[in-house]
């Protein structure tokens, strides 16, 4: 799912050079945007530690979808377009923990389900 598809037409802002920029605060609302920022901060920390671009951890569109779907399980995180077992094993627990705390839910406690 591209970031434009995650956002739909609401929150899409045209910027210079024909590029499209997503206004994630508009797309997610105040509370959702706060959770999105927590996920982005975690993604940035991981990317810096691993020396990789942030989008190789999870894309903005995937983070948006995590917030919109209120994902709190490994099986749910694997339903995201482009996220499979390897990425879930490597990063899922950290993101699920943030989401579960944010939504005051109990995560399934599993990193990967069979």
N, C-alpha and C. Protein backbone atom coordinates (compact mmCIF):
# COMPACT_ATOMS: atom_id res chain seq x y z
N UNK A 1 0.85 -1.16 0.00
CA UNK A 1 0.00 0.00 0.00
C UNK A 1 0.90 1.22 0.00
N UNK A 2 0.68 2.13 -0.90
CA UNK A 2 1.48 3.34 -0.93
C UNK A 2 0.97 4.31 0.11
N UNK A 3 1.81 5.30 0.46
CA UNK A 3 1.38 6.24 1.49
C UNK A 3 0.16 7.01 1.05
N UNK A 4 0.01 7.26 -0.24
CA UNK A 4 -1.18 7.93 -0.73
C UNK A 4 -2.41 7.07 -0.55
N UNK A 5 -2.27 5.77 -0.76
CA UNK A 5 -3.40 4.87 -0.59
C UNK A 5 -3.80 4.77 0.87
N UNK A 6 -2.81 4.81 1.76
CA UNK A 6 -3.12 4.73 3.18
C UNK A 6 -3.91 5.96 3.62
N UNK A 7 -3.61 7.08 3.00
CA UNK A 7 -4.22 8.31 3.44
C UNK A 7 -5.51 8.61 2.70
N UNK A 8 -5.72 8.00 1.54
CA UNK A 8 -6.86 8.36 0.72
C UNK A 8 -6.63 9.76 0.17
N UNK A 9 -7.68 10.50 -0.10
CA UNK A 9 -7.49 11.84 -0.61
C UNK A 9 -7.44 12.87 0.51
N UNK A 10 -7.99 12.56 1.67
CA UNK A 10 -7.92 13.48 2.79
C UNK A 10 -6.49 13.53 3.30
N UNK A 11 -6.01 14.73 3.57
CA UNK A 11 -4.67 14.87 4.11
C UNK A 11 -3.57 14.87 3.07
N UNK A 12 -3.93 14.83 1.79
CA UNK A 12 -2.93 14.86 0.73
C UNK A 12 -2.67 16.32 0.38
N UNK A 13 -1.42 16.71 0.41
CA UNK A 13 -1.03 18.08 0.11
C UNK A 13 -0.05 18.05 -1.04
N UNK A 14 -0.29 18.86 -2.05
CA UNK A 14 0.66 18.96 -3.16
C UNK A 14 1.80 19.87 -2.74
N UNK A 15 3.00 19.44 -3.02
CA UNK A 15 4.16 20.28 -2.74
C UNK A 15 4.87 20.55 -4.05
N UNK A 16 5.95 21.27 -4.00
CA UNK A 16 6.68 21.64 -5.20
C UNK A 16 7.17 20.45 -6.00
N UNK A 17 7.50 20.70 -7.25
CA UNK A 17 8.06 19.71 -8.16
C UNK A 17 7.12 18.53 -8.39
N UNK A 18 5.81 18.77 -8.26
CA UNK A 18 4.84 17.72 -8.56
C UNK A 18 4.79 16.59 -7.54
N UNK A 19 5.46 16.76 -6.40
CA UNK A 19 5.46 15.72 -5.38
C UNK A 19 4.23 15.85 -4.50
N UNK A 20 3.79 14.74 -3.97
CA UNK A 20 2.66 14.72 -3.06
C UNK A 20 3.17 14.46 -1.65
N UNK A 21 2.68 15.24 -0.72
CA UNK A 21 3.06 15.08 0.68
C UNK A 21 1.80 14.77 1.47
N UNK A 22 1.91 13.84 2.38
CA UNK A 22 0.77 13.44 3.20
C UNK A 22 0.80 14.23 4.52
N UNK A 23 -0.34 14.79 4.88
CA UNK A 23 -0.49 15.45 6.17
C UNK A 23 -1.04 14.40 7.14
N UNK A 24 -0.12 13.71 7.81
CA UNK A 24 -0.51 12.58 8.66
C UNK A 24 -1.35 13.02 9.85
N UNK A 25 -1.15 14.23 10.33
CA UNK A 25 -1.98 14.72 11.44
C UNK A 25 -3.44 14.83 11.01
N UNK A 26 -3.65 15.29 9.79
CA UNK A 26 -5.00 15.39 9.24
C UNK A 26 -5.60 14.00 9.01
N UNK A 27 -4.79 13.08 8.55
CA UNK A 27 -5.24 11.72 8.25
C UNK A 27 -5.61 10.96 9.52
N UNK A 28 -4.78 11.10 10.56
CA UNK A 28 -4.93 10.28 11.76
C UNK A 28 -5.66 10.97 12.92
N UNK A 29 -5.76 12.28 12.87
CA UNK A 29 -6.33 13.00 14.01
C UNK A 29 -5.29 13.15 15.10
N UNK A 30 -5.60 13.92 16.11
CA UNK A 30 -4.63 14.24 17.15
C UNK A 30 -4.06 13.04 17.89
N UNK A 31 -4.94 12.18 18.42
CA UNK A 31 -4.46 11.03 19.19
C UNK A 31 -3.72 10.03 18.31
N UNK A 32 -4.27 9.76 17.14
CA UNK A 32 -3.61 8.84 16.22
C UNK A 32 -2.26 9.36 15.77
N UNK A 33 -2.17 10.67 15.55
CA UNK A 33 -0.91 11.27 15.14
C UNK A 33 0.14 11.16 16.24
N UNK A 34 -0.28 11.26 17.48
CA UNK A 34 0.65 11.11 18.60
C UNK A 34 1.22 9.68 18.63
N UNK A 35 0.38 8.70 18.39
CA UNK A 35 0.84 7.30 18.36
C UNK A 35 1.78 7.11 17.16
N UNK A 36 1.40 7.65 16.01
CA UNK A 36 2.23 7.59 14.81
C UNK A 36 3.63 8.15 15.10
N UNK A 37 3.69 9.27 15.82
CA UNK A 37 4.99 9.86 16.16
C UNK A 37 5.81 8.97 17.08
N UNK A 38 5.16 8.28 18.00
CA UNK A 38 5.88 7.32 18.86
C UNK A 38 6.48 6.21 18.01
N UNK A 39 5.70 5.72 17.05
CA UNK A 39 6.19 4.66 16.15
C UNK A 39 7.34 5.17 15.29
N UNK A 40 7.22 6.38 14.78
CA UNK A 40 8.30 6.96 13.96
C UNK A 40 9.57 7.13 14.78
N UNK A 41 9.44 7.57 16.03
CA UNK A 41 10.61 7.73 16.89
C UNK A 41 11.31 6.39 17.11
N UNK A 42 10.52 5.35 17.37
CA UNK A 42 11.09 4.01 17.55
C UNK A 42 11.77 3.53 16.27
N UNK A 43 11.12 3.76 15.14
CA UNK A 43 11.69 3.35 13.85
C UNK A 43 13.02 4.07 13.60
N UNK A 44 13.07 5.35 13.91
CA UNK A 44 14.30 6.13 13.71
C UNK A 44 15.43 5.61 14.58
N UNK A 45 15.11 5.29 15.83
CA UNK A 45 16.12 4.77 16.76
C UNK A 45 16.68 3.44 16.24
N UNK A 46 15.81 2.57 15.81
CA UNK A 46 16.24 1.27 15.28
C UNK A 46 17.09 1.46 14.03
N UNK A 47 16.64 2.31 13.12
CA UNK A 47 17.35 2.55 11.87
C UNK A 47 18.75 3.11 12.12
N UNK A 48 18.84 4.04 13.07
CA UNK A 48 20.15 4.61 13.40
C UNK A 48 21.08 3.55 13.98
N UNK A 49 20.54 2.71 14.86
CA UNK A 49 21.36 1.64 15.45
C UNK A 49 21.83 0.62 14.41
N UNK A 50 20.99 0.37 13.42
CA UNK A 50 21.33 -0.62 12.39
C UNK A 50 22.02 0.00 11.17
N UNK A 51 22.03 1.32 11.10
CA UNK A 51 22.66 1.99 9.96
C UNK A 51 21.92 1.78 8.65
N UNK A 52 20.58 1.76 8.73
CA UNK A 52 19.76 1.55 7.54
C UNK A 52 18.75 2.69 7.41
N UNK A 53 18.20 2.90 6.21
CA UNK A 53 17.15 3.91 6.06
C UNK A 53 15.90 3.51 6.85
N UNK A 54 15.17 4.51 7.36
CA UNK A 54 14.00 4.23 8.20
C UNK A 54 12.95 3.41 7.47
N UNK A 55 12.78 3.63 6.17
CA UNK A 55 11.73 2.92 5.44
C UNK A 55 11.99 1.42 5.32
N UNK A 56 13.22 0.97 5.60
CA UNK A 56 13.48 -0.47 5.56
C UNK A 56 12.95 -1.16 6.81
N UNK A 57 12.69 -0.39 7.85
CA UNK A 57 12.09 -0.94 9.07
C UNK A 57 10.58 -1.08 8.82
N UNK A 58 9.89 0.03 8.67
CA UNK A 58 8.50 0.10 8.26
C UNK A 58 8.32 1.42 7.52
N UNK A 59 7.48 1.43 6.51
CA UNK A 59 7.19 2.66 5.78
C UNK A 59 6.20 3.51 6.57
N UNK A 60 6.09 4.78 6.21
CA UNK A 60 5.07 5.63 6.83
C UNK A 60 3.68 5.04 6.64
N UNK A 61 3.43 4.53 5.45
CA UNK A 61 2.11 3.93 5.16
C UNK A 61 1.83 2.76 6.09
N UNK A 62 2.85 1.95 6.37
CA UNK A 62 2.66 0.82 7.28
C UNK A 62 2.42 1.29 8.71
N UNK A 63 3.12 2.34 9.12
CA UNK A 63 2.90 2.90 10.45
C UNK A 63 1.49 3.47 10.57
N UNK A 64 1.04 4.17 9.53
CA UNK A 64 -0.32 4.72 9.52
C UNK A 64 -1.33 3.59 9.67
N UNK A 65 -1.13 2.53 8.92
CA UNK A 65 -2.06 1.40 8.96
C UNK A 65 -2.06 0.73 10.35
N UNK A 66 -0.89 0.65 10.98
CA UNK A 66 -0.82 0.09 12.33
C UNK A 66 -1.71 0.90 13.27
N UNK A 67 -1.65 2.22 13.14
CA UNK A 67 -2.45 3.09 14.01
C UNK A 67 -3.92 2.97 13.66
N UNK A 68 -4.24 3.04 12.38
CA UNK A 68 -5.65 2.99 11.97
C UNK A 68 -6.32 1.69 12.36
N UNK A 69 -5.59 0.58 12.23
CA UNK A 69 -6.16 -0.74 12.55
C UNK A 69 -5.98 -1.11 14.02
N UNK A 70 -5.28 -0.26 14.77
CA UNK A 70 -5.00 -0.52 16.18
C UNK A 70 -4.40 -1.91 16.38
N UNK A 71 -3.35 -2.17 15.64
CA UNK A 71 -2.70 -3.48 15.64
C UNK A 71 -1.98 -3.72 16.96
N UNK A 72 -2.27 -4.85 17.58
CA UNK A 72 -1.60 -5.22 18.83
C UNK A 72 -1.22 -6.69 18.88
N UNK A 73 -1.06 -7.31 17.71
CA UNK A 73 -0.63 -8.71 17.69
C UNK A 73 0.29 -8.96 16.51
N UNK A 74 1.11 -9.98 16.65
CA UNK A 74 2.03 -10.36 15.58
C UNK A 74 1.27 -10.80 14.34
N UNK A 75 0.19 -11.52 14.54
CA UNK A 75 -0.57 -11.98 13.38
C UNK A 75 -1.18 -10.79 12.64
N UNK A 76 -1.61 -9.77 13.36
CA UNK A 76 -2.19 -8.59 12.72
C UNK A 76 -1.14 -7.77 12.00
N UNK A 77 0.04 -7.67 12.58
CA UNK A 77 1.10 -6.88 11.93
C UNK A 77 1.51 -7.52 10.60
N UNK A 78 1.43 -8.83 10.53
CA UNK A 78 1.79 -9.52 9.29
C UNK A 78 0.75 -9.36 8.19
N UNK A 79 -0.42 -8.83 8.52
CA UNK A 79 -1.42 -8.58 7.48
C UNK A 79 -1.13 -7.30 6.70
N UNK A 80 -0.20 -6.50 7.18
CA UNK A 80 0.16 -5.27 6.48
C UNK A 80 0.90 -5.60 5.20
N UNK A 81 0.59 -4.87 4.15
CA UNK A 81 1.23 -5.07 2.86
C UNK A 81 2.74 -4.89 3.01
N UNK A 82 3.50 -5.90 2.62
CA UNK A 82 4.95 -5.83 2.65
C UNK A 82 5.59 -6.26 3.96
N UNK A 83 4.80 -6.68 4.92
CA UNK A 83 5.34 -7.11 6.21
C UNK A 83 5.14 -8.61 6.35
N UNK A 84 6.24 -9.31 6.53
CA UNK A 84 6.16 -10.75 6.67
C UNK A 84 6.77 -11.22 7.98
N UNK A 85 7.06 -12.49 8.02
CA UNK A 85 7.54 -13.13 9.25
C UNK A 85 8.88 -12.56 9.71
N UNK A 86 9.80 -12.34 8.78
CA UNK A 86 11.14 -11.88 9.15
C UNK A 86 11.08 -10.50 9.80
N UNK A 87 10.36 -9.58 9.18
CA UNK A 87 10.26 -8.23 9.74
C UNK A 87 9.48 -8.24 11.06
N UNK A 88 8.49 -9.09 11.13
CA UNK A 88 7.72 -9.20 12.37
C UNK A 88 8.60 -9.75 13.49
N UNK A 89 9.41 -10.77 13.18
CA UNK A 89 10.31 -11.33 14.19
C UNK A 89 11.33 -10.30 14.65
N UNK A 90 11.83 -9.52 13.71
CA UNK A 90 12.90 -8.58 14.02
C UNK A 90 12.41 -7.33 14.75
N UNK A 91 11.26 -6.80 14.34
CA UNK A 91 10.82 -5.50 14.86
C UNK A 91 9.44 -5.51 15.51
N UNK A 92 8.66 -6.53 15.28
CA UNK A 92 7.27 -6.53 15.69
C UNK A 92 7.02 -6.26 17.15
N UNK A 93 7.76 -6.91 18.03
CA UNK A 93 7.51 -6.79 19.46
C UNK A 93 7.61 -5.34 19.94
N UNK A 94 8.62 -4.61 19.43
CA UNK A 94 8.80 -3.22 19.86
C UNK A 94 7.61 -2.35 19.44
N UNK A 95 7.14 -2.54 18.22
CA UNK A 95 6.04 -1.72 17.72
C UNK A 95 4.71 -2.13 18.33
N UNK A 96 4.52 -3.42 18.52
CA UNK A 96 3.29 -3.92 19.15
C UNK A 96 3.19 -3.40 20.59
N UNK A 97 4.31 -3.37 21.30
CA UNK A 97 4.30 -2.87 22.68
C UNK A 97 3.88 -1.40 22.72
N UNK A 98 4.39 -0.60 21.81
CA UNK A 98 4.02 0.82 21.75
C UNK A 98 2.54 0.97 21.45
N UNK A 99 2.08 0.22 20.46
CA UNK A 99 0.66 0.29 20.08
C UNK A 99 -0.24 -0.17 21.21
N UNK A 100 0.11 -1.26 21.86
CA UNK A 100 -0.72 -1.78 22.95
C UNK A 100 -0.81 -0.77 24.09
N UNK A 101 0.32 -0.16 24.44
CA UNK A 101 0.31 0.87 25.49
C UNK A 101 -0.55 2.06 25.06
N UNK A 102 -0.39 2.47 23.83
CA UNK A 102 -1.12 3.64 23.33
C UNK A 102 -2.62 3.41 23.32
N UNK A 103 -3.03 2.20 23.00
CA UNK A 103 -4.45 1.89 22.92
C UNK A 103 -4.97 1.23 24.18
N UNK A 104 -4.12 1.20 25.24
CA UNK A 104 -4.49 0.60 26.51
C UNK A 104 -5.04 -0.81 26.35
N UNK A 105 -4.35 -1.56 25.52
CA UNK A 105 -4.73 -2.96 25.25
C UNK A 105 -3.59 -3.86 25.70
N UNK A 106 -3.90 -5.10 25.85
CA UNK A 106 -2.87 -6.08 26.16
C UNK A 106 -2.48 -6.77 24.87
N UNK A 107 -1.20 -6.72 24.55
CA UNK A 107 -0.74 -7.38 23.33
C UNK A 107 -0.78 -8.89 23.55
N UNK A 108 -0.67 -9.62 22.45
CA UNK A 108 -0.72 -11.08 22.56
C UNK A 108 0.55 -11.66 23.16
N UNK A 109 1.59 -10.81 23.35
CA UNK A 109 2.82 -11.27 23.97
C UNK A 109 3.67 -12.13 23.07
N UNK A 110 3.25 -12.35 21.85
CA UNK A 110 4.00 -13.21 20.93
C UNK A 110 4.68 -12.34 19.89
N UNK A 111 5.87 -12.77 19.51
CA UNK A 111 6.57 -12.06 18.46
C UNK A 111 6.07 -12.57 17.10
N UNK A 112 5.93 -13.86 16.97
CA UNK A 112 5.45 -14.44 15.73
C UNK A 112 4.53 -15.59 16.06
N UNK A 113 3.43 -15.66 15.35
CA UNK A 113 2.51 -16.78 15.52
C UNK A 113 2.69 -17.72 14.36
N UNK A 114 2.51 -19.00 14.60
CA UNK A 114 2.67 -19.98 13.52
C UNK A 114 1.50 -19.94 12.57
